[in-house]
PDB file of N, CA and C in Angstrom:
ATOM      1  N   MET A   1       7.087  -6.770  -9.520  1.00  0.00           N
ATOM      2  CA  MET A   1       8.129  -6.408  -8.571  1.00  0.00           C
ATOM      3  C   MET A   1       9.432  -6.130  -9.305  1.00  0.00           C
ATOM      4  N   GLY A   2       9.672  -6.836 -10.399  1.00  0.00           N
ATOM      5  CA  GLY A   2      10.899  -6.641 -11.157  1.00  0.00           C
ATOM      6  C   GLY A   2      11.025  -5.233 -11.700  1.00  0.00           C
ATOM      7  N   THR A   3       9.909  -4.672 -12.188  1.00  0.00           N
ATOM      8  CA  THR A   3       9.925  -3.322 -12.731  1.00  0.00           C
ATOM      9  C   THR A   3      10.239  -2.311 -11.646  1.00  0.00           C
ATOM     10  N   PHE A   4       9.656  -2.485 -10.468  1.00  0.00           N
ATOM     11  CA  PHE A   4       9.927  -1.591  -9.340  1.00  0.00           C
ATOM     12  C   PHE A   4      11.417  -1.620  -8.999  1.00  0.00           C
ATOM     13  N   HIS A   5      11.968  -2.813  -8.926  1.00  0.00           N
ATOM     14  CA  HIS A   5      13.390  -2.983  -8.602  1.00  0.00           C
ATOM     15  C   HIS A   5      14.261  -2.336  -9.665  1.00  0.00           C
ATOM     16  N   ASP A   6      13.944  -2.577 -10.935  1.00  0.00           N
ATOM     17  CA  ASP A   6      14.731  -2.009 -12.031  1.00  0.00           C
ATOM     18  C   ASP A   6      14.677  -0.485 -12.025  1.00  0.00           C
ATOM     19  N   THR A   7      13.495   0.072 -11.769  1.00  0.00           N
ATOM     20  CA  THR A   7      13.343   1.526 -11.742  1.00  0.00           C
ATOM     21  C   THR A   7      14.147   2.131 -10.603  1.00  0.00           C
ATOM     22  N   LEU A   8      14.078   1.510  -9.441  1.00  0.00           N
ATOM     23  CA  LEU A   8      14.852   1.990  -8.299  1.00  0.00           C
ATOM     24  C   LEU A   8      16.346   1.934  -8.602  1.00  0.00           C
ATOM     25  N   GLN A   9      16.772   0.858  -9.196  1.00  0.00           N
ATOM     26  CA  GLN A   9      18.186   0.712  -9.530  1.00  0.00           C
ATOM     27  C   GLN A   9      18.627   1.794 -10.518  1.00  0.00           C
ATOM     28  N   LEU A  10      17.824   2.047 -11.553  1.00  0.00           N
ATOM     29  CA  LEU A  10      18.170   3.079 -12.524  1.00  0.00           C
ATOM     30  C   LEU A  10      18.196   4.460 -11.889  1.00  0.00           C
ATOM     31  N   ALA A  11      17.299   4.694 -10.939  1.00  0.00           N
ATOM     32  CA  ALA A  11      17.199   6.013 -10.322  1.00  0.00           C
ATOM     33  C   ALA A  11      18.430   6.364  -9.500  1.00  0.00           C
ATOM     34  N   VAL A  12      19.057   5.391  -8.884  1.00  0.00           N
ATOM     35  CA  VAL A  12      20.166   5.704  -7.974  1.00  0.00           C
ATOM     36  C   VAL A  12      21.523   5.159  -8.420  1.00  0.00           C
ATOM     37  N   ALA A  13      21.585   4.425  -9.502  1.00  0.00           N
ATOM     38  CA  ALA A  13      22.851   3.801  -9.904  1.00  0.00           C
ATOM     39  C   ALA A  13      23.949   4.825 -10.163  1.00  0.00           C
ATOM     40  N   ASP A  14      23.611   5.929 -10.800  1.00  0.00           N
ATOM     41  CA  ASP A  14      24.628   6.940 -11.083  1.00  0.00           C
ATOM     42  C   ASP A  14      25.125   7.626  -9.826  1.00  0.00           C
ATOM     43  N   TRP A  15      24.293   7.667  -8.800  1.00  0.00           N
ATOM     44  CA  TRP A  15      24.663   8.358  -7.568  1.00  0.00           C
ATOM     45  C   TRP A  15      25.707   7.594  -6.767  1.00  0.00           C
ATOM     46  N   THR A  16      25.741   6.284  -6.907  1.00  0.00           N
ATOM     47  CA  THR A  16      26.579   5.475  -6.032  1.00  0.00           C
ATOM     48  C   THR A  16      27.833   4.926  -6.714  1.00  0.00           C
ATOM     49  N   LYS A  17      28.014   5.191  -7.998  1.00  0.00           N
ATOM     50  CA  LYS A  17      29.180   4.628  -8.690  1.00  0.00           C
ATOM     51  C   LYS A  17      30.458   5.028  -7.985  1.00  0.00           C
ATOM     52  N   PRO A  18      31.424   4.161  -7.871  1.00  0.00           N
ATOM     53  CA  PRO A  18      31.512   2.782  -8.357  1.00  0.00           C
ATOM     54  C   PRO A  18      30.917   1.754  -7.401  1.00  0.00           C
ATOM     55  N   ALA A  19      30.358   2.203  -6.275  1.00  0.00           N
ATOM     56  CA  ALA A  19      29.740   1.261  -5.327  1.00  0.00           C
ATOM     57  C   ALA A  19      28.428   0.733  -5.922  1.00  0.00           C
ATOM     58  N   PRO A  20      27.938  -0.394  -5.413  1.00  0.00           N
ATOM     59  CA  PRO A  20      26.646  -0.907  -5.890  1.00  0.00           C
ATOM     60  C   PRO A  20      25.531   0.094  -5.606  1.00  0.00           C
ATOM     61  N   TRP A  21      24.490   0.044  -6.410  1.00  0.00           N
ATOM     62  CA  TRP A  21      23.396   1.015  -6.302  1.00  0.00           C
ATOM     63  C   TRP A  21      22.694   0.964  -4.952  1.00  0.00           C
ATOM     64  N   HIS A  22      22.762  -0.136  -4.234  1.00  0.00           N
ATOM     65  CA  HIS A  22      22.063  -0.274  -2.958  1.00  0.00           C
ATOM     66  C   HIS A  22      22.963  -0.009  -1.750  1.00  0.00           C
ATOM     67  N   ASP A  23      24.161   0.492  -1.981  1.00  0.00           N
ATOM     68  CA  ASP A  23      25.109   0.778  -0.905  1.00  0.00           C
ATOM     69  C   ASP A  23      24.650   2.017  -0.128  1.00  0.00           C
ATOM     70  N   ARG A  24      24.215   1.822   1.117  1.00  0.00           N
ATOM     71  CA  ARG A  24      23.676   2.929   1.917  1.00  0.00           C
ATOM     72  C   ARG A  24      24.715   4.008   2.195  1.00  0.00           C
ATOM     73  N   ARG A  25      25.936   3.600   2.413  1.00  0.00           N
ATOM     74  CA  ARG A  25      27.002   4.581   2.690  1.00  0.00           C
ATOM     75  C   ARG A  25      27.205   5.470   1.471  1.00  0.00           C
ATOM     76  N   ALA A  26      27.243   4.866   0.292  1.00  0.00           N
ATOM     77  CA  ALA A  26      27.430   5.646  -0.932  1.00  0.00           C
ATOM     78  C   ALA A  26      26.245   6.589  -1.168  1.00  0.00           C
ATOM     79  N   LEU A  27      25.043   6.099  -0.885  1.00  0.00           N
ATOM     80  CA  LEU A  27      23.867   6.957  -1.025  1.00  0.00           C
ATOM     81  C   LEU A  27      23.924   8.128  -0.047  1.00  0.00           C
ATOM     82  N   ALA A  28      24.320   7.853   1.194  1.00  0.00           N
ATOM     83  CA  ALA A  28      24.418   8.910   2.203  1.00  0.00           C
ATOM     84  C   ALA A  28      25.476   9.948   1.816  1.00  0.00           C
ATOM     85  N   GLU A  29      26.568   9.500   1.212  1.00  0.00           N
ATOM     86  CA  GLU A  29      27.613  10.429   0.774  1.00  0.00           C
ATOM     87  C   GLU A  29      27.138  11.287  -0.396  1.00  0.00           C
ATOM     88  N   TYR A  30      26.279  10.735  -1.244  1.00  0.00           N
ATOM     89  CA  TYR A  30      25.818  11.471  -2.408  1.00  0.00           C
ATOM     90  C   TYR A  30      24.722  12.488  -2.062  1.00  0.00           C
ATOM     91  N   MET A  31      23.936  12.219  -1.032  1.00  0.00           N
ATOM     92  CA  MET A  31      22.773  13.055  -0.737  1.00  0.00           C
ATOM     93  C   MET A  31      23.094  14.546  -0.633  1.00  0.00           C
ATOM     94  N   PRO A  32      24.146  14.993   0.055  1.00  0.00           N
ATOM     95  CA  PRO A  32      24.443  16.439   0.092  1.00  0.00           C
ATOM     96  C   PRO A  32      24.691  17.022  -1.307  1.00  0.00           C
ATOM     97  N   LYS A  33      25.314  16.241  -2.187  1.00  0.00           N
ATOM     98  CA  LYS A  33      25.540  16.710  -3.560  1.00  0.00           C
ATOM     99  C   LYS A  33      24.203  16.874  -4.284  1.00  0.00           C
ATOM    100  N   HIS A  34      23.324  15.937  -4.088  1.00  0.00           N
ATOM    101  CA  HIS A  34      22.016  15.995  -4.731  1.00  0.00           C
ATOM    102  C   HIS A  34      21.221  17.201  -4.223  1.00  0.00           C
ATOM    103  N   ILE A  35      21.256  17.440  -2.923  1.00  0.00           N
ATOM    104  CA  ILE A  35      20.542  18.574  -2.347  1.00  0.00           C
ATOM    105  C   ILE A  35      21.085  19.884  -2.915  1.00  0.00           C
ATOM    106  N   GLU A  36      22.384  20.011  -3.003  1.00  0.00           N
ATOM    107  CA  GLU A  36      22.979  21.225  -3.570  1.00  0.00           C
ATOM    108  C   GLU A  36      22.606  21.387  -5.039  1.00  0.00           C
ATOM    109  N   TYR A  37      22.538  20.288  -5.765  1.00  0.00           N
ATOM    110  CA  TYR A  37      22.149  20.355  -7.176  1.00  0.00           C
ATOM    111  C   TYR A  37      20.720  20.879  -7.317  1.00  0.00           C
ATOM    112  N   ILE A  38      19.808  20.347  -6.503  1.00  0.00           N
ATOM    113  CA  ILE A  38      18.420  20.808  -6.540  1.00  0.00           C
ATOM    114  C   ILE A  38      18.343  22.282  -6.153  1.00  0.00           C
ATOM    115  N   ARG A  39      19.080  22.675  -5.135  1.00  0.00           N
ATOM    116  CA  ARG A  39      19.099  24.082  -4.718  1.00  0.00           C
ATOM    117  C   ARG A  39      19.608  24.987  -5.846  1.00  0.00           C
ATOM    118  N   SER A  40      20.538  24.477  -6.665  1.00  0.00           N
ATOM    119  CA  SER A  40      21.064  25.283  -7.767  1.00  0.00           C
ATOM    120  C   SER A  40      20.049  25.428  -8.902  1.00  0.00           C
ATOM    121  N   LEU A  41      19.120  24.510  -9.011  1.00  0.00           N
ATOM    122  CA  LEU A  41      18.125  24.551 -10.083  1.00  0.00           C
ATOM    123  C   LEU A  41      16.880  25.354  -9.742  1.00  0.00           C
ATOM    124  N   VAL A  42      16.452  25.280  -8.490  1.00  0.00           N
ATOM    125  CA  VAL A  42      15.161  25.850  -8.091  1.00  0.00           C
ATOM    126  C   VAL A  42      15.382  27.169  -7.347  1.00  0.00           C
ATOM    127  N   PRO A  43      14.713  28.228  -7.782  1.00  0.00           N
ATOM    128  CA  PRO A  43      14.830  29.497  -7.052  1.00  0.00           C
ATOM    129  C   PRO A  43      14.338  29.330  -5.610  1.00  0.00           C
ATOM    130  N   PRO A  44      14.986  29.993  -4.660  1.00  0.00           N
ATOM    131  CA  PRO A  44      14.628  29.812  -3.244  1.00  0.00           C
ATOM    132  C   PRO A  44      13.142  30.057  -2.943  1.00  0.00           C
ATOM    133  N   GLU A  45      12.517  31.008  -3.647  1.00  0.00           N
ATOM    134  CA  GLU A  45      11.106  31.290  -3.385  1.00  0.00           C
ATOM    135  C   GLU A  45      10.180  30.176  -3.885  1.00  0.00           C
ATOM    136  N   ASN A  46      10.709  29.264  -4.705  1.00  0.00           N
ATOM    137  CA  ASN A  46       9.926  28.133  -5.212  1.00  0.00           C
ATOM    138  C   ASN A  46      10.313  26.802  -4.577  1.00  0.00           C
ATOM    139  N   LEU A  47      11.187  26.850  -3.590  1.00  0.00           N
ATOM    140  CA  LEU A  47      11.701  25.622  -2.989  1.00  0.00           C
ATOM    141  C   LEU A  47      11.340  25.567  -1.511  1.00  0.00           C
ATOM    142  N   LEU A  48      10.714  24.489  -1.135  1.00  0.00           N
ATOM    143  CA  LEU A  48      10.425  24.254   0.282  1.00  0.00           C
ATOM    144  C   LEU A  48      11.219  23.034   0.717  1.00  0.00           C
ATOM    145  N   GLU A  49      12.113  23.230   1.659  1.00  0.00           N
ATOM    146  CA  GLU A  49      12.824  22.103   2.260  1.00  0.00           C
ATOM    147  C   GLU A  49      12.072  21.787   3.537  1.00  0.00           C
ATOM    148  N   PHE A  50      11.410  20.648   3.518  1.00  0.00           N
ATOM    149  CA  PHE A  50      10.401  20.357   4.525  1.00  0.00           C
ATOM    150  C   PHE A  50      10.597  18.978   5.109  1.00  0.00           C
ATOM    151  N   HIS A  51      10.352  18.857   6.398  1.00  0.00           N
ATOM    152  CA  HIS A  51      10.319  17.562   7.065  1.00  0.00           C
ATOM    153  C   HIS A  51       8.976  17.468   7.776  1.00  0.00           C
ATOM    154  N   PRO A  52       8.307  16.308   7.715  1.00  0.00           N
ATOM    155  CA  PRO A  52       6.993  16.190   8.361  1.00  0.00           C
ATOM    156  C   PRO A  52       6.980  16.596   9.832  1.00  0.00           C
ATOM    157  N   ARG A  53       8.084  16.455  10.525  1.00  0.00           N
ATOM    158  CA  ARG A  53       8.097  16.852  11.943  1.00  0.00           C
ATOM    159  C   ARG A  53       7.906  18.359  12.108  1.00  0.00           C
ATOM    160  N   ASP A  54       8.080  19.132  11.008  1.00  0.00           N
ATOM    161  CA  ASP A  54       7.884  20.578  11.061  1.00  0.00           C
ATOM    162  C   ASP A  54       6.411  20.958  11.154  1.00  0.00           C
ATOM    163  N   GLY A  55       5.525  20.040  10.795  1.00  0.00           N
ATOM    164  CA  GLY A  55       4.090  20.279  10.921  1.00  0.00           C
ATOM    165  C   GLY A  55       3.517  21.177   9.843  1.00  0.00           C
ATOM    166  N   TRP A  56       2.333  21.712  10.152  1.00  0.00           N
ATOM    167  CA  TRP A  56       1.568  22.496   9.188  1.00  0.00           C
ATOM    168  C   TRP A  56       2.187  23.850   8.859  1.00  0.00           C
ATOM    169  N   ASP A  57       2.786  24.526   9.841  1.00  0.00           N
ATOM    170  CA  ASP A  57       3.170  25.932   9.673  1.00  0.00           C
ATOM    171  C   ASP A  57       4.010  26.208   8.429  1.00  0.00           C
ATOM    172  N   PRO A  58       5.189  25.597   8.270  1.00  0.00           N
ATOM    173  CA  PRO A  58       5.989  25.958   7.091  1.00  0.00           C
ATOM    174  C   PRO A  58       5.329  25.549   5.770  1.00  0.00           C
ATOM    175  N   LEU A  59       4.620  24.444   5.773  1.00  0.00           N
ATOM    176  CA  LEU A  59       3.956  23.983   4.551  1.00  0.00           C
ATOM    177  C   LEU A  59       2.846  24.949   4.142  1.00  0.00           C
ATOM    178  N   CYS A  60       2.006  25.311   5.078  1.00  0.00           N
ATOM    179  CA  CYS A  60       0.895  26.217   4.776  1.00  0.00           C
ATOM    180  C   CYS A  60       1.407  27.608   4.383  1.00  0.00           C
ATOM    181  N   LYS A  61       2.447  28.080   5.063  1.00  0.00           N
ATOM    182  CA  LYS A  61       3.021  29.389   4.725  1.00  0.00           C
ATOM    183  C   LYS A  61       3.557  29.372   3.295  1.00  0.00           C
ATOM    184  N   PHE A  62       4.259  28.309   2.928  1.00  0.00           N
ATOM    185  CA  PHE A  62       4.817  28.190   1.584  1.00  0.00           C
ATOM    186  C   PHE A  62       3.715  28.163   0.526  1.00  0.00           C
ATOM    187  N   LEU A  63       2.613  27.484   0.828  1.00  0.00           N
ATOM    188  CA  LEU A  63       1.508  27.350  -0.119  1.00  0.00           C
ATOM    189  C   LEU A  63       0.522  28.517  -0.056  1.00  0.00           C
ATOM    190  N   GLY A  64       0.718  29.400   0.916  1.00  0.00           N
ATOM    191  CA  GLY A  64      -0.178  30.531   1.058  1.00  0.00           C
ATOM    192  C   GLY A  64      -1.560  30.121   1.539  1.00  0.00           C
ATOM    193  N   LYS A  65      -1.605  29.130   2.383  1.00  0.00           N
ATOM    194  CA  LYS A  65      -2.871  28.616   2.910  1.00  0.00           C
ATOM    195  C   LYS A  65      -2.928  28.798   4.420  1.00  0.00           C
ATOM    196  N   GLU A  66      -4.145  28.737   4.958  1.00  0.00           N
ATOM    197  CA  GLU A  66      -4.351  28.798   6.398  1.00  0.00           C
ATOM    198  C   GLU A  66      -3.986  27.454   7.031  1.00  0.00           C
ATOM    199  N   VAL A  67      -3.442  27.505   8.234  1.00  0.00           N
ATOM    200  CA  VAL A  67      -3.146  26.278   8.976  1.00  0.00           C
ATOM    201  C   VAL A  67      -4.469  25.665   9.421  1.00  0.00           C
ATOM    202  N   PRO A  68      -4.711  24.390   9.122  1.00  0.00           N
ATOM    203  CA  PRO A  68      -5.970  23.759   9.542  1.00  0.00           C
ATOM    204  C   PRO A  68      -6.084  23.747  11.069  1.00  0.00           C
ATOM    205  N   GLU A  69      -7.262  24.144  11.535  1.00  0.00           N
ATOM    206  CA  GLU A  69      -7.495  24.154  12.977  1.00  0.00           C
ATOM    207  C   GLU A  69      -8.013  22.791  13.421  1.00  0.00           C
ATOM    208  N   ASN A  70      -7.610  22.380  14.595  1.00  0.00           N
ATOM    209  CA  ASN A  70      -8.060  21.116  15.200  1.00  0.00           C
ATOM    210  C   ASN A  70      -7.775  19.900  14.315  1.00  0.00           C
ATOM    211  N   THR A  71      -6.710  19.984  13.512  1.00  0.00           N
ATOM    212  CA  THR A  71      -6.336  18.864  12.660  1.00  0.00           C
ATOM    213  C   THR A  71      -4.851  18.585  12.847  1.00  0.00           C
ATOM    214  N   ASP A  72      -4.542  17.415  13.375  1.00  0.00           N
ATOM    215  CA  ASP A  72      -3.134  17.039  13.517  1.00  0.00           C
ATOM    216  C   ASP A  72      -2.514  16.852  12.143  1.00  0.00           C
ATOM    217  N   PHE A  73      -1.220  17.112  12.064  1.00  0.00           N
ATOM    218  CA  PHE A  73      -0.527  16.895  10.797  1.00  0.00           C
ATOM    219  C   PHE A  73      -0.501  15.393  10.508  1.00  0.00           C
ATOM    220  N   PRO A  74      -0.908  14.988   9.298  1.00  0.00           N
ATOM    221  CA  PRO A  74      -0.956  13.551   8.996  1.00  0.00           C
ATOM    222  C   PRO A  74       0.446  12.953   8.915  1.00  0.00           C
ATOM    223  N   TYR A  75       0.573  11.806   9.480  1.00  0.00           N
ATOM    224  CA  TYR A  75       1.851  11.105   9.436  1.00  0.00           C
ATOM    225  C   TYR A  75       1.552   9.657   9.107  1.00  0.00           C
ATOM    226  N   VAL A  76       1.642   9.322   7.823  1.00  0.00           N
ATOM    227  CA  VAL A  76       1.247   7.999   7.356  1.00  0.00           C
ATOM    228  C   VAL A  76       2.371   6.990   7.491  1.00  0.00           C
ATOM    229  N   ASN A  77       3.568   7.360   7.091  1.00  0.00           N
ATOM    230  CA  ASN A  77       4.655   6.397   7.019  1.00  0.00           C
ATOM    231  C   ASN A  77       5.302   6.224   8.387  1.00  0.00           C
ATOM    232  N   LYS A  78       4.934   5.170   9.051  1.00  0.00           N
ATOM    233  CA  LYS A  78       5.512   4.887  10.366  1.00  0.00           C
ATOM    234  C   LYS A  78       6.565   3.797  10.271  1.00  0.00           C
ATOM    235  N   GLY A  79       7.201   3.689   9.126  1.00  0.00           N
ATOM    236  CA  GLY A  79       8.294   2.731   8.953  1.00  0.00           C
ATOM    237  C   GLY A  79       7.898   1.472   8.229  1.00  0.00           C
ATOM    238  N   ARG A  80       6.657   1.079   8.348  1.00  0.00           N
ATOM    239  CA  ARG A  80       6.232  -0.169   7.712  1.00  0.00           C
ATOM    240  C   ARG A  80       5.374   0.068   6.479  1.00  0.00           C
ATOM    241  N   TRP A  81       4.966   1.309   6.240  1.00  0.00           N
ATOM    242  CA  TRP A  81       4.063   1.592   5.143  1.00  0.00           C
ATOM    243  C   TRP A  81       4.665   1.143   3.815  1.00  0.00           C
ATOM    244  N   ALA A  82       5.901   1.526   3.530  1.00  0.00           N
ATOM    245  CA  ALA A  82       6.532   1.162   2.252  1.00  0.00           C
ATOM    246  C   ALA A  82       6.670  -0.349   2.129  1.00  0.00           C
ATOM    247  N   ARG A  83       7.066  -0.997   3.198  1.00  0.00           N
ATOM    248  CA  ARG A  83       7.197  -2.452   3.171  1.00  0.00           C
ATOM    249  C   ARG A  83       5.849  -3.115   2.904  1.00  0.00           C
ATOM    250  N   ASN A  84       4.800  -2.621   3.555  1.00  0.00           N
ATOM    251  CA  ASN A  84       3.468  -3.178   3.341  1.00  0.00           C
ATOM    252  C   ASN A  84       2.987  -2.925   1.921  1.00  0.00           C
ATOM    253  N   TYR A  85       3.283  -1.756   1.383  1.00  0.00           N
ATOM    254  CA  TYR A  85       2.897  -1.413   0.016  1.00  0.00           C
ATOM    255  C   TYR A  85       3.546  -2.379  -0.974  1.00  0.00           C
ATOM    256  N   VAL A  86       4.829  -2.640  -0.788  1.00  0.00           N
ATOM    257  CA  VAL A  86       5.533  -3.571  -1.663  1.00  0.00           C
ATOM    258  C   VAL A  86       4.986  -4.989  -1.476  1.00  0.00           C
ATOM    259  N   ALA A  87       4.691  -5.376  -0.235  1.00  0.00           N
ATOM    260  CA  ALA A  87       4.149  -6.713   0.032  1.00  0.00           C
ATOM    261  C   ALA A  87       2.810  -6.912  -0.673  1.00  0.00           C
ATOM    262  N   VAL A  88       1.961  -5.899  -0.648  1.00  0.00           N
ATOM    263  CA  VAL A  88       0.676  -5.997  -1.352  1.00  0.00           C
ATOM    264  C   VAL A  88       0.921  -6.144  -2.849  1.00  0.00           C
ATOM    265  N   GLY A  89       1.877  -5.411  -3.382  1.00  0.00           N
ATOM    266  CA  GLY A  89       2.221  -5.528  -4.801  1.00  0.00           C
ATOM    267  C   GLY A  89       2.690  -6.925  -5.163  1.00  0.00           C
ATOM    268  N   VAL A  90       3.499  -7.521  -4.306  1.00  0.00           N
ATOM    269  CA  VAL A  90       3.990  -8.881  -4.546  1.00  0.00           C
ATOM    270  C   VAL A  90       2.829  -9.874  -4.525  1.00  0.00           C
ATOM    271  N   VAL A  91       1.940  -9.739  -3.554  1.00  0.00           N
ATOM    272  CA  VAL A  91       0.787 -10.643  -3.463  1.00  0.00           C
ATOM    273  C   VAL A  91      -0.093 -10.514  -4.704  1.00  0.00           C
ATOM    274  N   LEU A  92      -0.374  -9.278  -5.118  1.00  0.00           N
ATOM    275  CA  LEU A  92      -1.202  -9.083  -6.311  1.00  0.00           C
ATOM    276  C   LEU A  92      -0.539  -9.659  -7.556  1.00  0.00           C
ATOM    277  N   LYS A  93       0.763  -9.511  -7.665  1.00  0.00           N
ATOM    278  CA  LYS A  93       1.488 -10.073  -8.819  1.00  0.00           C
ATOM    279  C   LYS A  93       1.409 -11.601  -8.789  1.00  0.00           C
ATOM    280  N   CYS A  94       1.562 -12.198  -7.616  1.00  0.00           N
ATOM    281  CA  CYS A  94       1.462 -13.658  -7.493  1.00  0.00           C
ATOM    282  C   CYS A  94       0.070 -14.144  -7.868  1.00  0.00           C
ATOM    283  N   ILE A  95      -0.946 -13.407  -7.439  1.00  0.00           N
ATOM    284  CA  ILE A  95      -2.323 -13.780  -7.795  1.00  0.00           C
ATOM    285  C   ILE A  95      -2.514 -13.693  -9.299  1.00  0.00           C
ATOM    286  N   LYS A  96      -2.001 -12.621  -9.899  1.00  0.00           N
ATOM    287  CA  LYS A  96      -2.134 -12.444 -11.348  1.00  0.00           C
ATOM    288  C   LYS A  96      -1.454 -13.578 -12.109  1.00  0.00           C
ATOM    289  N   ILE A  97      -0.271 -13.970 -11.656  1.00  0.00           N
ATOM    290  CA  ILE A  97       0.471 -15.028 -12.341  1.00  0.00           C
ATOM    291  C   ILE A  97      -0.186 -16.385 -12.128  1.00  0.00           C
ATOM    292  N   SER A  98      -0.649 -16.662 -10.916  1.00  0.00           N
ATOM    293  CA  SER A  98      -1.143 -18.001 -10.597  1.00  0.00           C
ATOM    294  C   SER A  98      -2.621 -18.214 -10.898  1.00  0.00           C
ATOM    295  N   SER A  99      -3.393 -17.139 -11.068  1.00  0.00           N
ATOM    296  CA  SER A  99      -4.841 -17.308 -11.218  1.00  0.00           C
ATOM    297  C   SER A  99      -5.249 -18.197 -12.386  1.00  0.00           C
ATOM    298  N   PRO A 100      -4.630 -18.133 -13.567  1.00  0.00           N
ATOM    299  CA  PRO A 100      -5.057 -19.055 -14.629  1.00  0.00           C
ATOM    300  C   PRO A 100      -4.886 -20.524 -14.237  1.00  0.00           C
ATOM    301  N   TYR A 101      -3.813 -20.829 -13.519  1.00  0.00           N
ATOM    302  CA  TYR A 101      -3.565 -22.210 -13.112  1.00  0.00           C
ATOM    303  C   TYR A 101      -4.555 -22.656 -12.036  1.00  0.00           C
ATOM    304  N   VAL A 102      -4.825 -21.767 -11.090  1.00  0.00           N
ATOM    305  CA  VAL A 102      -5.769 -22.090 -10.024  1.00  0.00           C
ATOM    306  C   VAL A 102      -7.162 -22.301 -10.599  1.00  0.00           C
ATOM    307  N   PHE A 103      -7.597 -21.398 -11.467  1.00  0.00           N
ATOM    308  CA  PHE A 103      -8.924 -21.535 -12.064  1.00  0.00           C
ATOM    309  C   PHE A 103      -9.011 -22.788 -12.934  1.00  0.00           C
ATOM    310  N   SER A 104      -7.943 -23.123 -13.636  1.00  0.00           N
ATOM    311  CA  SER A 104      -7.931 -24.346 -14.449  1.00  0.00           C
ATOM    312  C   SER A 104      -8.047 -25.576 -13.563  1.00  0.00           C
ATOM    313  N   ALA A 105      -7.325 -25.572 -12.446  1.00  0.00           N
ATOM    314  CA  ALA A 105      -7.381 -26.714 -11.536  1.00  0.00           C
ATOM    315  C   ALA A 105      -8.781 -26.854 -10.940  1.00  0.00           C
ATOM    316  N   ILE A 106      -9.397 -25.739 -10.586  1.00  0.00           N
ATOM    317  CA  ILE A 106     -10.760 -25.787 -10.052  1.00  0.00           C
ATOM    318  C   ILE A 106     -11.727 -26.300 -11.103  1.00  0.00           C
ATOM    319  N   ALA A 107     -11.593 -25.835 -12.334  1.00  0.00           N
ATOM    320  CA  ALA A 107     -12.472 -26.284 -13.417  1.00  0.00           C
ATOM    321  C   ALA A 107     -12.304 -27.780 -13.661  1.00  0.00           C
ATOM    322  N   LEU A 108     -11.076 -28.257 -13.642  1.00  0.00           N
ATOM    323  CA  LEU A 108     -10.839 -29.693 -13.835  1.00  0.00           C
ATOM    324  C   LEU A 108     -11.443 -30.503 -12.697  1.00  0.00           C
ATOM    325  N   PHE A 109     -11.304 -30.017 -11.476  1.00  0.00           N
ATOM    326  CA  PHE A 109     -11.864 -30.722 -10.322  1.00  0.00           C
ATOM    327  C   PHE A 109     -13.390 -30.788 -10.418  1.00  0.00           C
ATOM    328  N   VAL A 110     -14.017 -29.652 -10.742  1.00  0.00           N
ATOM    329  CA  VAL A 110     -15.474 -29.620 -10.868  1.00  0.00           C
ATOM    330  C   VAL A 110     -15.926 -30.537 -11.993  1.00  0.00           C
ATOM    331  N   ALA A 111     -15.231 -30.521 -13.126  1.00  0.00           N
ATOM    332  CA  ALA A 111     -15.581 -31.398 -14.250  1.00  0.00           C
ATOM    333  C   ALA A 111     -15.438 -32.862 -13.859  1.00  0.00           C
ATOM    334  N   TRP A 112     -14.384 -33.178 -13.129  1.00  0.00           N
ATOM    335  CA  TRP A 112     -14.160 -34.556 -12.699  1.00  0.00           C
ATOM    336  C   TRP A 112     -15.261 -35.007 -11.740  1.00  0.00           C
ATOM    337  N   LYS A 113     -15.613 -34.136 -10.772  1.00  0.00           N
ATOM    338  CA  LYS A 113     -16.664 -34.483  -9.810  1.00  0.00           C
ATOM    339  C   LYS A 113     -18.016 -34.644 -10.506  1.00  0.00           C
ATOM    340  N   TRP A 114     -18.257 -33.848 -11.515  1.00  0.00           N
ATOM    341  CA  TRP A 114     -19.526 -33.906 -12.239  1.00  0.00           C
ATOM    342  C   TRP A 114     -19.570 -35.129 -13.150  1.00  0.00           C
ATOM    343  N   ALA A 115     -18.433 -35.467 -13.773  1.00  0.00           N
ATOM    344  CA  ALA A 115     -18.403 -36.574 -14.729  1.00  0.00           C
ATOM    345  C   ALA A 115     -18.319 -37.951 -14.070  1.00  0.00           C
ATOM    346  N   VAL A 116     -17.652 -38.036 -12.942  1.00  0.00           N
ATOM    347  CA  VAL A 116     -17.475 -39.325 -12.287  1.00  0.00           C
ATOM    348  C   VAL A 116     -18.647 -39.504 -11.316  1.00  0.00           C
ATOM    349  N   PRO A 117     -19.464 -40.558 -11.523  1.00  0.00           N
ATOM    350  CA  PRO A 117     -20.607 -40.754 -10.634  1.00  0.00           C
ATOM    351  C   PRO A 117     -20.142 -41.150  -9.236  1.00  0.00           C
ATOM    352  N   ASN A 118     -20.965 -40.795  -8.256  1.00  0.00           N
ATOM    353  CA  ASN A 118     -20.665 -41.185  -6.875  1.00  0.00           C
ATOM    354  C   ASN A 118     -20.713 -42.698  -6.771  1.00  0.00           C
ATOM    355  N   SER A 119     -19.744 -43.271  -6.119  1.00  0.00           N
ATOM    356  CA  SER A 119     -19.693 -44.733  -5.989  1.00  0.00           C
ATOM    357  C   SER A 119     -20.120 -45.123  -4.574  1.00  0.00           C
ATOM    358  N   GLN A 120     -21.384 -44.865  -4.246  1.00  0.00           N
ATOM    359  CA  GLN A 120     -21.886 -45.254  -2.929  1.00  0.00           C
ATOM    360  C   GLN A 120     -22.645 -46.562  -3.066  1.00  0.00           C
ATOM    361  N   THR A 121     -22.365 -47.509  -2.212  1.00  0.00           N
ATOM    362  CA  THR A 121     -23.053 -48.800  -2.245  1.00  0.00           C
ATOM    363  C   THR A 121     -23.772 -49.086  -0.977  1.00  0.00           C
TER     364      THR A 121
END
């Protein structure tokens, strides 16, 4: 998780100076500058400014493909996708960090149960 956080911070820190990198207002103020910068780099015929709500038509036209028939435009990110993705990453990292300790504890418990005879009278 630390690497993800560091990468995100590096990606936007220059955009928000002198405000903190996570300042939403500063990011919102910078976005028009960033869009204009991208527009200045990419020729218009190679640039698609697209929003998923636009559907298949502009995307397929830009790519020179046929619009899929009887197929709704996919919309994966319903607001929680990114949060869930990060949560899964955190869980996997916790498992990776804790697994040697958990397995050691299980091994010690099994060894103890095997070595200590049952004391039933």
